[in-house]
Protein backbone atom coordinates (compact mmCIF):
# COMPACT_ATOMS: atom_id res chain seq x y z
CA MET A 1 134.07 147.01 155.67
CA THR A 2 136.90 146.48 153.19
CA ALA A 3 136.81 144.06 150.28
CA SER A 4 139.40 141.84 151.89
CA ILE A 5 137.31 141.53 155.06
CA VAL A 6 134.19 140.69 153.04
CA THR A 7 136.19 138.04 151.17
CA ALA A 8 137.37 136.60 154.51
CA MET A 9 133.82 136.60 155.82
CA ILE A 10 132.47 134.73 152.78
CA ASP A 11 135.36 132.22 153.03
CA ALA A 12 134.62 131.70 156.72
CA HIS A 13 130.95 131.11 155.94
CA CYS A 14 131.89 128.52 153.31
CA THR A 15 134.14 126.79 155.87
CA TYR A 16 131.18 126.75 158.26
CA LEU A 17 128.93 125.18 155.57
CA ARG A 18 131.57 122.58 154.80
CA GLY A 19 131.78 121.72 158.50
CA ARG A 20 128.03 121.27 158.54
CA GLY A 21 128.28 118.70 155.77
CA ARG A 22 126.79 120.83 152.98
CA ALA A 23 127.37 119.56 149.46
CA ASP A 24 130.20 121.05 147.43
CA ASN A 25 127.84 122.51 144.85
CA THR A 26 125.78 124.19 147.61
CA ILE A 27 128.91 125.79 149.04
CA ARG A 28 130.08 126.89 145.62
CA ASP A 29 126.69 128.40 144.77
CA ALA A 30 126.56 130.20 148.11
CA ALA A 31 129.94 131.80 147.62
CA LYS A 32 129.07 132.87 144.09
CA LEU A 33 125.78 134.46 145.23
CA LEU A 34 127.31 136.26 148.20
CA ARG A 35 130.07 137.77 146.05
CA ARG A 36 127.41 138.93 143.59
CA LEU A 37 125.32 140.47 146.34
CA ASP A 38 128.32 142.34 147.63
CA ARG A 39 128.90 143.81 144.17
CA GLU A 40 125.28 144.68 143.39
CA LEU A 41 123.73 145.86 146.67
CA PRO A 42 123.99 149.65 147.24
CA ALA A 43 126.16 149.38 150.36
CA GLY A 44 127.56 145.91 149.84
CA LEU A 45 126.79 142.64 151.59
CA PRO A 46 127.60 143.60 155.23
CA ASN A 47 125.54 146.82 155.23
CA ALA A 48 122.49 145.68 153.28
CA LEU A 49 119.04 146.65 154.55
CA LEU A 50 115.89 144.57 154.30
CA PRO A 51 114.25 146.74 151.57
CA GLU A 52 117.41 146.42 149.49
CA LEU A 53 117.45 142.66 149.82
CA GLU A 54 113.76 142.46 148.94
CA ALA A 55 114.29 144.70 145.87
CA TRP A 56 117.22 142.57 144.75
CA LEU A 57 115.15 139.38 144.98
CA ALA A 58 112.28 141.04 143.08
CA ARG A 59 114.30 141.49 139.91
CA PRO A 60 112.45 140.29 136.79
CA GLY A 61 113.41 137.16 134.89
CA TRP A 62 113.84 134.72 137.75
CA SER A 63 111.56 131.82 138.57
CA GLU A 64 110.02 131.43 142.01
CA GLN A 65 112.31 128.44 142.60
CA THR A 66 115.39 130.57 141.81
CA ARG A 67 114.27 133.39 144.11
CA GLU A 68 113.64 130.97 146.96
CA THR A 69 117.02 129.35 146.48
CA TYR A 70 118.71 132.74 146.62
CA ARG A 71 116.66 133.70 149.67
CA LEU A 72 117.75 130.54 151.49
CA HIS A 73 121.41 131.29 150.82
CA MET A 74 120.92 134.84 152.12
CA VAL A 75 119.06 133.77 155.27
CA ARG A 76 121.68 131.12 156.03
CA PHE A 77 124.51 133.62 155.60
CA TYR A 78 123.09 136.42 157.78
CA ARG A 79 121.98 134.01 160.49
CA TRP A 80 125.54 132.64 160.65
CA ALA A 81 127.15 136.10 160.50
CA CYS A 82 125.04 137.35 163.44
CA ARG A 83 125.58 134.37 165.75
CA PRO A 84 126.12 135.44 169.40
CA VAL A 85 129.49 133.73 169.50
CA ASP A 86 132.11 135.77 167.59
CA PRO A 87 129.63 137.62 165.27
CA TRP A 88 130.76 139.24 162.05
CA LEU A 89 127.66 141.49 161.88
CA ASP A 90 125.36 143.06 164.42
CA ASP A 91 121.98 142.96 162.67
CA ASP A 92 120.33 140.09 160.81
CA GLN A 93 118.31 141.81 158.09
CA CYS A 94 116.89 138.54 156.78
CA THR A 95 114.71 137.67 159.76
CA LYS A 96 111.74 139.27 158.02
CA LEU A 97 112.65 138.23 154.46
CA GLU A 98 109.49 136.33 153.54
CA ARG A 99 109.58 132.91 151.96
CA VAL A 100 108.94 132.78 148.23
CA GLU A 101 106.00 130.54 147.38
CA VAL A 102 107.17 127.97 144.86
CA PRO A 103 104.49 126.15 142.85
CA GLU A 104 104.62 122.38 143.34
CA GLY A 105 106.09 120.68 140.34
CA ILE A 106 104.61 117.43 138.97
CA PRO A 107 107.21 114.73 138.19
CA ARG A 108 107.87 114.11 134.52
CA PRO A 109 109.03 110.50 134.21
CA ALA A 110 110.85 109.36 131.09
CA GLU A 111 109.07 106.93 128.80
CA ASP A 112 110.06 103.26 128.92
CA ASP A 113 111.73 103.36 125.46
CA GLN A 114 113.75 106.41 126.51
CA VAL A 115 114.92 104.65 129.67
CA ARG A 116 115.96 101.59 127.65
CA ALA A 117 117.91 103.70 125.17
CA ALA A 118 119.60 105.80 127.92
CA CYS A 119 120.73 102.66 129.77
CA THR A 120 122.08 100.84 126.70
CA GLU A 121 123.12 103.27 123.95
CA LEU A 122 125.27 105.86 125.76
CA ASP A 123 129.01 105.53 126.25
CA THR A 124 130.56 105.29 129.70
CA PRO A 125 130.44 106.87 132.20
CA TRP A 126 127.19 108.45 130.95
CA ARG A 127 125.46 105.05 130.69
CA TYR A 128 126.36 104.36 134.34
CA HIS A 129 124.79 107.69 135.39
CA CYS A 130 121.58 106.77 133.58
CA ILE A 131 121.40 103.28 135.05
CA LEU A 132 121.94 104.60 138.58
CA ALA A 133 119.22 107.25 138.13
CA ALA A 134 116.72 104.84 136.51
CA TYR A 135 117.28 101.78 138.72
CA ALA A 136 118.20 103.37 142.07
CA GLY A 137 116.68 106.83 141.76
CA LEU A 138 120.00 108.51 142.45
CA ARG A 139 120.39 112.30 142.05
CA PRO A 140 123.43 113.84 140.29
CA CYS A 141 124.76 114.95 143.71
CA GLN A 142 124.71 111.29 144.81
CA ILE A 143 126.21 109.94 141.60
CA ALA A 144 129.10 112.43 141.53
CA PRO A 145 131.00 111.13 144.63
CA LEU A 146 129.98 107.47 144.17
CA ARG A 147 132.80 104.93 144.02
CA ARG A 148 132.84 101.31 142.88
CA GLU A 149 133.49 100.32 146.49
CA ASP A 150 130.13 101.87 147.49
CA ILE A 151 128.18 99.25 145.51
CA THR A 152 127.84 95.57 146.35
CA GLU A 153 125.56 92.96 144.86
CA GLN A 154 123.04 93.67 147.62
CA ASN A 155 123.46 97.34 148.58
CA ILE A 156 124.36 100.85 147.40
CA TYR A 157 125.78 103.17 150.06
CA VAL A 158 125.09 106.79 149.28
CA ILE A 159 124.62 110.13 151.04
CA ARG A 160 121.01 111.22 151.34
CA GLY A 161 120.45 114.07 148.90
CA GLY A 162 124.15 114.81 148.85
CA LYS A 163 123.64 116.86 152.04
CA LYS A 164 124.80 116.79 155.66
CA GLY A 165 126.73 113.57 155.28
CA LYS A 166 123.91 111.23 156.32
CA LYS A 167 124.48 107.81 154.74
CA ILE A 168 121.64 105.68 153.52
CA VAL A 169 121.57 102.18 152.11
CA LEU A 170 119.58 101.35 148.98
CA PRO A 171 119.02 97.96 147.35
CA THR A 172 121.11 97.13 144.29
CA ASP A 173 119.01 96.23 141.26
CA PRO A 174 120.54 93.39 139.21
CA ILE A 175 120.76 95.72 136.18
CA ILE A 176 122.98 98.04 138.20
CA TRP A 177 125.17 95.16 139.47
CA GLN A 178 125.59 93.77 135.94
CA ALA A 179 126.88 97.16 134.74
CA ILE A 180 129.02 98.12 137.74
CA ALA A 181 130.44 94.79 138.97
CA PRO A 182 133.24 94.58 136.34
CA LEU A 183 134.58 98.06 137.15
CA ARG A 184 137.84 98.45 139.06
CA PRO A 185 137.89 100.33 142.39
CA GLY A 186 137.60 104.10 142.17
CA PRO A 187 135.16 106.76 141.04
CA ILE A 188 132.29 105.67 138.84
CA SER A 189 132.08 109.11 137.27
CA TYR A 190 135.14 110.77 135.80
CA ARG A 191 136.08 113.34 133.14
CA SER A 192 138.60 111.10 131.35
CA GLU A 193 140.99 108.24 132.06
CA ARG A 194 143.76 110.80 132.59
CA TRP A 195 141.68 112.64 135.25
CA ARG A 196 140.01 109.54 136.66
CA ASP A 197 140.90 110.39 140.28
CA THR A 198 139.83 114.05 140.05
CA PRO A 199 136.43 114.55 141.73
CA VAL A 200 133.55 115.66 139.56
CA THR A 201 130.65 117.88 140.61
CA ALA A 202 126.93 117.19 140.58
CA GLN A 203 126.51 119.99 138.04
CA TRP A 204 129.06 118.35 135.77
CA VAL A 205 127.28 114.98 136.02
CA SER A 206 123.89 116.58 135.36
CA GLN A 207 124.87 118.82 132.48
CA ARG A 208 127.24 116.48 130.66
CA THR A 209 124.86 113.52 130.89
CA ALA A 210 121.96 115.69 129.62
CA ALA A 211 124.13 116.73 126.67
CA GLN A 212 124.89 113.07 125.85
CA LEU A 213 121.19 112.13 126.11
CA HIS A 214 120.18 114.97 123.80
CA LYS A 215 122.99 114.01 121.40
CA HIS A 216 121.33 110.59 121.12
CA GLY A 217 117.94 112.19 120.41
CA LEU A 218 116.60 111.67 123.96
CA PRO A 219 114.95 114.87 125.26
CA ILE A 220 115.34 113.88 128.91
CA THR A 221 117.65 114.38 131.87
CA LEU A 222 118.80 112.28 134.84
CA TYR A 223 115.86 113.70 136.83
CA ASN A 224 113.38 112.27 134.29
CA LEU A 225 115.03 108.89 134.80
CA ARG A 226 114.85 109.30 138.56
CA HIS A 227 111.16 110.24 138.22
CA TRP A 228 110.61 107.10 136.12
CA PHE A 229 112.14 105.00 138.91
CA LEU A 230 110.01 106.51 141.68
CA THR A 231 106.81 106.40 139.60
CA ARG A 232 107.32 102.78 138.72
CA VAL A 233 108.11 101.89 142.34
CA GLN A 234 104.93 103.59 143.50
CA GLU A 235 102.89 101.89 140.78
CA GLY A 236 104.41 98.51 141.54
CA GLN A 237 103.89 98.31 145.31
CA GLY A 238 101.76 101.32 146.23
CA ASP A 239 103.47 101.91 149.58
CA LEU A 240 104.16 105.66 149.96
CA ARG A 241 106.51 105.08 152.89
CA VAL A 242 108.72 102.72 150.86
CA THR A 243 108.79 105.12 147.95
CA GLN A 244 109.74 107.94 150.34
CA GLU A 245 112.67 105.94 151.70
CA LEU A 246 113.94 105.04 148.23
CA ALA A 247 113.56 108.67 147.14
CA GLY A 248 115.48 110.01 150.16
CA HIS A 249 112.72 112.50 150.84
CA THR A 250 112.46 113.89 154.37
CA SER A 251 108.76 114.70 153.91
CA PRO A 252 106.04 112.37 152.55
CA THR A 253 104.40 115.43 151.01
CA THR A 254 107.14 115.54 148.37
CA THR A 255 106.73 111.83 147.64
CA MET A 256 102.97 112.15 147.23
CA ARG A 257 103.54 113.82 143.85
CA TYR A 258 104.59 110.41 142.50
CA THR A 259 101.33 108.97 143.77
CA LEU A 260 99.47 111.55 141.69
CA VAL A 261 101.43 110.59 138.59
CA ALA A 262 100.85 106.90 139.22
CA ASN A 263 97.12 107.51 139.70
CA SER A 264 96.94 109.51 136.47
CA ARG A 265 98.45 106.54 134.59
CA ALA A 266 95.90 104.25 136.23
CA ARG A 267 93.07 106.52 135.06
CA ALA A 268 94.51 106.59 131.54
CA ALA A 269 94.63 102.77 131.54
CA VAL A 270 91.01 102.49 132.66
CA ALA A 271 89.99 104.96 129.97
CA THR A 272 91.17 102.48 127.27
CA LEU A 273 88.48 99.93 128.21
CA PRO A 274 85.98 99.36 125.41
CA ARG A 275 82.67 101.20 125.85
CA LEU A 276 80.46 98.34 124.50
CA GLY A 277 77.75 100.81 123.76
CA LEU A 278 77.26 101.59 127.45
CA GLY A 279 78.25 105.23 127.36
């Protein structure tokens, strides 16, 4: 298969992903990985065999999470390319590509003083990013496309996880409304006034905000602020279902990690009680 046909196939796959409502960063990452696979596999992307794909994924230096992310892109591509209707390829080599076991991560919420500094000391739009992560639990992929029109005094209208176009409604904390209400219509996140109407990516929001946080001596990211939000919500009302809805998690298993963090804080609080010579 010629290089031009492979390029057309990757482009067609990206069009398919876009039609399925996948986030822009997911589509971009998929195209980048597929082009890399075509360069590095012995017979290129269309002619790859299962052992070659397994060997490629087994390269040293990658975390389990990275390997599993790459595997998901590969599985999604070959499943699409081998569809019965107008297939690009005849054989799906990924049907037996085993899932990579990823260790469950424990949330690392920011400290209260870090949250306060992030939400007050940074310039705009970075400060808006931090407030939205800390007081609505938004991810970078939800902040990037957010517009002033998406936020009212009562509600925030966002896409769940930045994927598949499913809209959810979250409550607007007064701290968010105080910061966002004066803004004029248009994107909340932007590169500069000159490029205000040019869309930004989730990666840009994540990386640039992290750089600003570190510049202010805060060793945290937007995800640490999101973790602070979810941990505080779970501590405050103890309802796992409510926390799951606010987090935008499809599975309560993911949300249960915040219960573990909340419980660990409760144990730490109890441990500060005076012993009174009793033990």
